C-alpha atoms as a PDB file:
ATOM      1  CA  MET A   1     -10.652 -11.622  14.439  1.00  0.00           C
ATOM      2  CA  THR A   2     -11.686  -9.136  11.772  1.00  0.00           C
ATOM      3  CA  LEU A   3      -9.085  -6.457  11.085  1.00  0.00           C
ATOM      4  CA  ILE A   4     -10.266  -3.016   9.983  1.00  0.00           C
ATOM      5  CA  ALA A   5      -8.059  -0.162   8.807  1.00  0.00           C
ATOM      6  CA  THR A   6      -9.634   3.123   9.889  1.00  0.00           C
ATOM      7  CA  CYS A   7      -8.524   6.668   9.229  1.00  0.00           C
ATOM      8  CA  HIS A   8      -8.339   8.998  12.225  1.00  0.00           C
ATOM      9  CA  CYS A   9     -11.834  10.455  11.837  1.00  0.00           C
ATOM     10  CA  GLY A  10     -13.474   7.154  10.830  1.00  0.00           C
ATOM     11  CA  ALA A  11     -14.660   8.282   7.382  1.00  0.00           C
ATOM     12  CA  THR A  12     -12.597   5.557   5.686  1.00  0.00           C
ATOM     13  CA  LYS A  13     -12.844   1.944   6.847  1.00  0.00           C
ATOM     14  CA  ILE A  14     -11.291  -0.976   5.004  1.00  0.00           C
ATOM     15  CA  GLU A  15     -11.590  -4.618   6.038  1.00  0.00           C
ATOM     16  CA  LEU A  16      -8.546  -6.828   5.514  1.00  0.00           C
ATOM     17  CA  PRO A  17      -9.166 -10.339   4.156  1.00  0.00           C
ATOM     18  CA  ARG A  18      -6.633 -11.834   6.609  1.00  0.00           C
ATOM     19  CA  HIS A  19      -3.915 -10.845   9.056  1.00  0.00           C
ATOM     20  CA  PRO A  20      -0.833  -9.903   7.019  1.00  0.00           C
ATOM     21  CA  THR A  21       2.414 -11.801   7.517  1.00  0.00           C
ATOM     22  CA  GLU A  22       4.483  -9.607   5.190  1.00  0.00           C
ATOM     23  CA  ALA A  23       4.630  -5.868   4.643  1.00  0.00           C
ATOM     24  CA  ALA A  24       6.944  -3.235   3.238  1.00  0.00           C
ATOM     25  CA  SER A  25       8.320   0.069   4.389  1.00  0.00           C
ATOM     26  CA  CYS A  26       9.541   2.183   1.494  1.00  0.00           C
ATOM     27  CA  ASN A  27      11.876   5.179   1.627  1.00  0.00           C
ATOM     28  CA  CYS A  28      10.719   6.804  -1.621  1.00  0.00           C
ATOM     29  CA  THR A  29       9.898  10.492  -1.356  1.00  0.00           C
ATOM     30  CA  TYR A  30       6.184   9.779  -0.931  1.00  0.00           C
ATOM     31  CA  CYS A  31       6.172   6.780   1.417  1.00  0.00           C
ATOM     32  CA  ALA A  32       8.866   8.224   3.682  1.00  0.00           C
ATOM     33  CA  ARG A  33       6.721  11.311   4.270  1.00  0.00           C
ATOM     34  CA  ALA A  34       3.504   9.297   4.698  1.00  0.00           C
ATOM     35  CA  GLY A  35       5.150   6.975   7.249  1.00  0.00           C
ATOM     36  CA  ALA A  36       3.100   4.047   5.996  1.00  0.00           C
ATOM     37  CA  VAL A  37       3.846   0.350   6.321  1.00  0.00           C
ATOM     38  CA  TRP A  38       2.219  -1.370   3.361  1.00  0.00           C
ATOM     39  CA  ALA A  39       0.575  -4.782   3.209  1.00  0.00           C
ATOM     40  CA  TYR A  40      -0.272  -5.806  -0.334  1.00  0.00           C
ATOM     41  CA  TYR A  41      -3.441  -7.430  -1.587  1.00  0.00           C
ATOM     42  CA  ALA A  42      -4.815  -8.330  -4.989  1.00  0.00           C
ATOM     43  CA  PRO A  43      -7.595  -6.139  -6.379  1.00  0.00           C
ATOM     44  CA  GLY A  44     -10.906  -7.396  -4.983  1.00  0.00           C
ATOM     45  CA  GLU A  45      -9.453  -8.751  -1.725  1.00  0.00           C
ATOM     46  CA  LEU A  46     -10.032  -5.628   0.382  1.00  0.00           C
ATOM     47  CA  THR A  47     -13.557  -4.775   1.481  1.00  0.00           C
ATOM     48  CA  PHE A  48     -14.226  -1.032   1.444  1.00  0.00           C
ATOM     49  CA  LEU A  49     -16.740  -0.440   4.227  1.00  0.00           C
ATOM     50  CA  SER A  50     -16.691   3.365   4.072  1.00  0.00           C
ATOM     51  CA  ARG A  51     -15.017   5.854   1.735  1.00  0.00           C
ATOM     52  CA  SER A  52     -17.148   8.935   2.312  1.00  0.00           C
ATOM     53  CA  ASP A  53     -14.472  11.625   1.936  1.00  0.00           C
ATOM     54  CA  GLU A  54     -11.770   9.794  -0.015  1.00  0.00           C
ATOM     55  CA  ARG A  55      -9.395  11.724  -2.226  1.00  0.00           C
ATOM     56  CA  SER A  56      -6.424  10.726  -4.322  1.00  0.00           C
ATOM     57  CA  TYR A  57      -2.990  12.007  -5.212  1.00  0.00           C
ATOM     58  CA  SER A  58      -0.470  10.851  -7.766  1.00  0.00           C
ATOM     59  CA  THR A  59       2.701  12.041  -9.399  1.00  0.00           C
ATOM     60  CA  ALA A  60       1.907   9.666 -12.280  1.00  0.00           C
ATOM     61  CA  PRO A  61      -1.886   9.135 -12.424  1.00  0.00           C
ATOM     62  CA  GLU A  62      -1.631   6.852 -15.456  1.00  0.00           C
ATOM     63  CA  ILE A  63       0.420   4.444 -13.307  1.00  0.00           C
ATOM     64  CA  HIS A  64      -0.635   4.691  -9.652  1.00  0.00           C
ATOM     65  CA  GLN A  65      -2.917   6.418  -7.131  1.00  0.00           C
ATOM     66  CA  HIS A  66      -2.458   7.154  -3.428  1.00  0.00           C
ATOM     67  CA  TYR A  67      -5.727   7.471  -1.498  1.00  0.00           C
ATOM     68  CA  PHE A  68      -6.251   9.444   1.676  1.00  0.00           C
ATOM     69  CA  CYS A  69      -9.098  10.739   3.803  1.00  0.00           C
ATOM     70  CA  GLY A  70     -10.098  14.227   2.677  1.00  0.00           C
ATOM     71  CA  ASN A  71     -11.244  15.050   6.209  1.00  0.00           C
ATOM     72  CA  CYS A  72      -8.391  13.937   8.521  1.00  0.00           C
ATOM     73  CA  GLY A  73      -5.660  13.454   5.893  1.00  0.00           C
ATOM     74  CA  MET A  74      -4.652   9.891   6.789  1.00  0.00           C
ATOM     75  CA  GLN A  75      -2.931   7.939   3.989  1.00  0.00           C
ATOM     76  CA  THR A  76      -5.179   4.876   3.638  1.00  0.00           C
ATOM     77  CA  TRP A  77      -4.390   2.767   0.576  1.00  0.00           C
ATOM     78  CA  GLY A  78      -2.942   2.781  -2.900  1.00  0.00           C
ATOM     79  CA  ASP A  79      -3.430   1.185  -6.298  1.00  0.00           C
ATOM     80  CA  SER A  80      -0.273   0.495  -8.280  1.00  0.00           C
ATOM     81  CA  PRO A  81       1.397  -1.877 -10.705  1.00  0.00           C
ATOM     82  CA  ASP A  82       2.726  -5.000  -9.010  1.00  0.00           C
ATOM     83  CA  TRP A  83       6.363  -4.004  -9.396  1.00  0.00           C
ATOM     84  CA  ALA A  84       7.433  -7.164  -7.547  1.00  0.00           C
ATOM     85  CA  SER A  85       6.065  -9.237 -10.436  1.00  0.00           C
ATOM     86  CA  LEU A  86       8.861  -7.921 -12.727  1.00  0.00           C
ATOM     87  CA  TYR A  87      11.524  -6.504 -10.397  1.00  0.00           C
ATOM     88  CA  ASN A  88      13.488  -7.615  -7.345  1.00  0.00           C
ATOM     89  CA  ALA A  89      13.444  -5.505  -4.157  1.00  0.00           C
ATOM     90  CA  ASP A  90      16.749  -3.913  -5.203  1.00  0.00           C
ATOM     91  CA  GLY A  91      15.218  -2.723  -8.494  1.00  0.00           C
ATOM     92  CA  THR A  92      16.940  -5.247 -10.766  1.00  0.00           C
ATOM     93  CA  PRO A  93      14.755  -7.051 -13.307  1.00  0.00           C
ATOM     94  CA  LYS A  94      13.583 -10.599 -12.614  1.00  0.00           C
ATOM     95  CA  ASP A  95      14.442 -13.273 -15.193  1.00  0.00           C
ATOM     96  CA  GLY A  96      15.552 -10.823 -17.855  1.00  0.00           C
ATOM     97  CA  ALA A  97      12.325  -8.823 -17.585  1.00  0.00           C
ATOM     98  CA  GLY A  98      12.373  -5.128 -16.957  1.00  0.00           C
ATOM     99  CA  GLY A  99      12.103  -1.830 -18.657  1.00  0.00           C
ATOM    100  CA  GLY A 100       8.351  -1.925 -18.514  1.00  0.00           C
ATOM    101  CA  ILE A 101       5.355  -1.346 -16.324  1.00  0.00           C
ATOM    102  CA  PRO A 102       3.713  -4.528 -15.036  1.00  0.00           C
ATOM    103  CA  ALA A 103       0.166  -5.182 -16.215  1.00  0.00           C
ATOM    104  CA  GLN A 104      -0.619  -6.924 -12.914  1.00  0.00           C
ATOM    105  CA  ARG A 105      -1.996  -4.574 -10.199  1.00  0.00           C
ATOM    106  CA  LYS A 106      -1.881  -4.613  -6.405  1.00  0.00           C
ATOM    107  CA  PHE A 107      -3.467  -2.634  -3.603  1.00  0.00           C
ATOM    108  CA  GLY A 108      -1.297  -1.419  -0.743  1.00  0.00           C
ATOM    109  CA  LEU A 109      -3.020  -0.945   2.610  1.00  0.00           C
ATOM    110  CA  ASN A 110      -1.463   1.258   5.305  1.00  0.00           C
ATOM    111  CA  LEU A 111      -1.108  -1.085   8.293  1.00  0.00           C
ATOM    112  CA  ARG A 112      -0.519   1.894  10.603  1.00  0.00           C
ATOM    113  CA  LEU A 113      -4.317   2.376  10.486  1.00  0.00           C
ATOM    114  CA  VAL A 114      -5.102  -1.065  11.954  1.00  0.00           C
ATOM    115  CA  ASP A 115      -5.497  -0.865  15.740  1.00  0.00           C
ATOM    116  CA  ASP A 116      -5.592  -4.597  16.494  1.00  0.00           C
ATOM    117  CA  ILE A 117      -2.698  -5.755  14.338  1.00  0.00           C
ATOM    118  CA  ASP A 118      -0.187  -8.128  15.922  1.00  0.00           C
ATOM    119  CA  TRP A 119       3.109  -6.681  14.688  1.00  0.00           C
ATOM    120  CA  SER A 120       5.005  -9.735  15.967  1.00  0.00           C
ATOM    121  CA  LYS A 121       3.356 -11.703  13.134  1.00  0.00           C
ATOM    122  CA  VAL A 122       4.437  -9.259  10.402  1.00  0.00           C
ATOM    123  CA  THR A 123       7.829  -9.301   8.701  1.00  0.00           C
ATOM    124  CA  VAL A 124       8.487  -5.793   7.360  1.00  0.00           C
ATOM    125  CA  GLU A 125      10.804  -5.573   4.349  1.00  0.00           C
ATOM    126  CA  GLN A 126      12.724  -2.318   3.895  1.00  0.00           C
ATOM    127  CA  LEU A 127      12.445  -1.154   0.267  1.00  0.00           C
ATOM    128  CA  ASP A 128      14.842   1.354  -1.271  1.00  0.00           C
ATOM    129  CA  GLY A 129      12.305   3.037  -3.507  1.00  0.00           C
ATOM    130  CA  ARG A 130      14.241   6.308  -3.383  1.00  0.00           C
ATOM    131  CA  HIS A 131      17.064   4.828  -5.431  1.00  0.00           C
ATOM    132  CA  ASN A 132      15.503   1.922  -7.286  1.00  0.00           C
ATOM    133  CA  TRP A 133      12.329   3.284  -8.892  1.00  0.00           C
END
């Protein structure tokens, strides 16, 4: 079954490459307000079917971007460093790394926009982004 993330008005449609098995819910000041549950994919894995009124927002545009529909306002996806490549979920560095911004990127897709998702197949990790990043 093909899974499509769709904003409320249908202006943004994003095809997932596969059903996610893992996702994250973050309590940082942005994610907590957006109410998103994020599944992560490598750049190039998502297929953007429609992005007719897409806009972006960022508190640090040189690092990350949050994308949303400019018509209905739904938070759709984001482009950010792959923090998990250098840091543990609690914010501590992996293997002595740390103190830097990862060069590796990842795309976060808001799973709340996927109507046909089987939530019983998704393990959602709770991230403490409010205190760790």
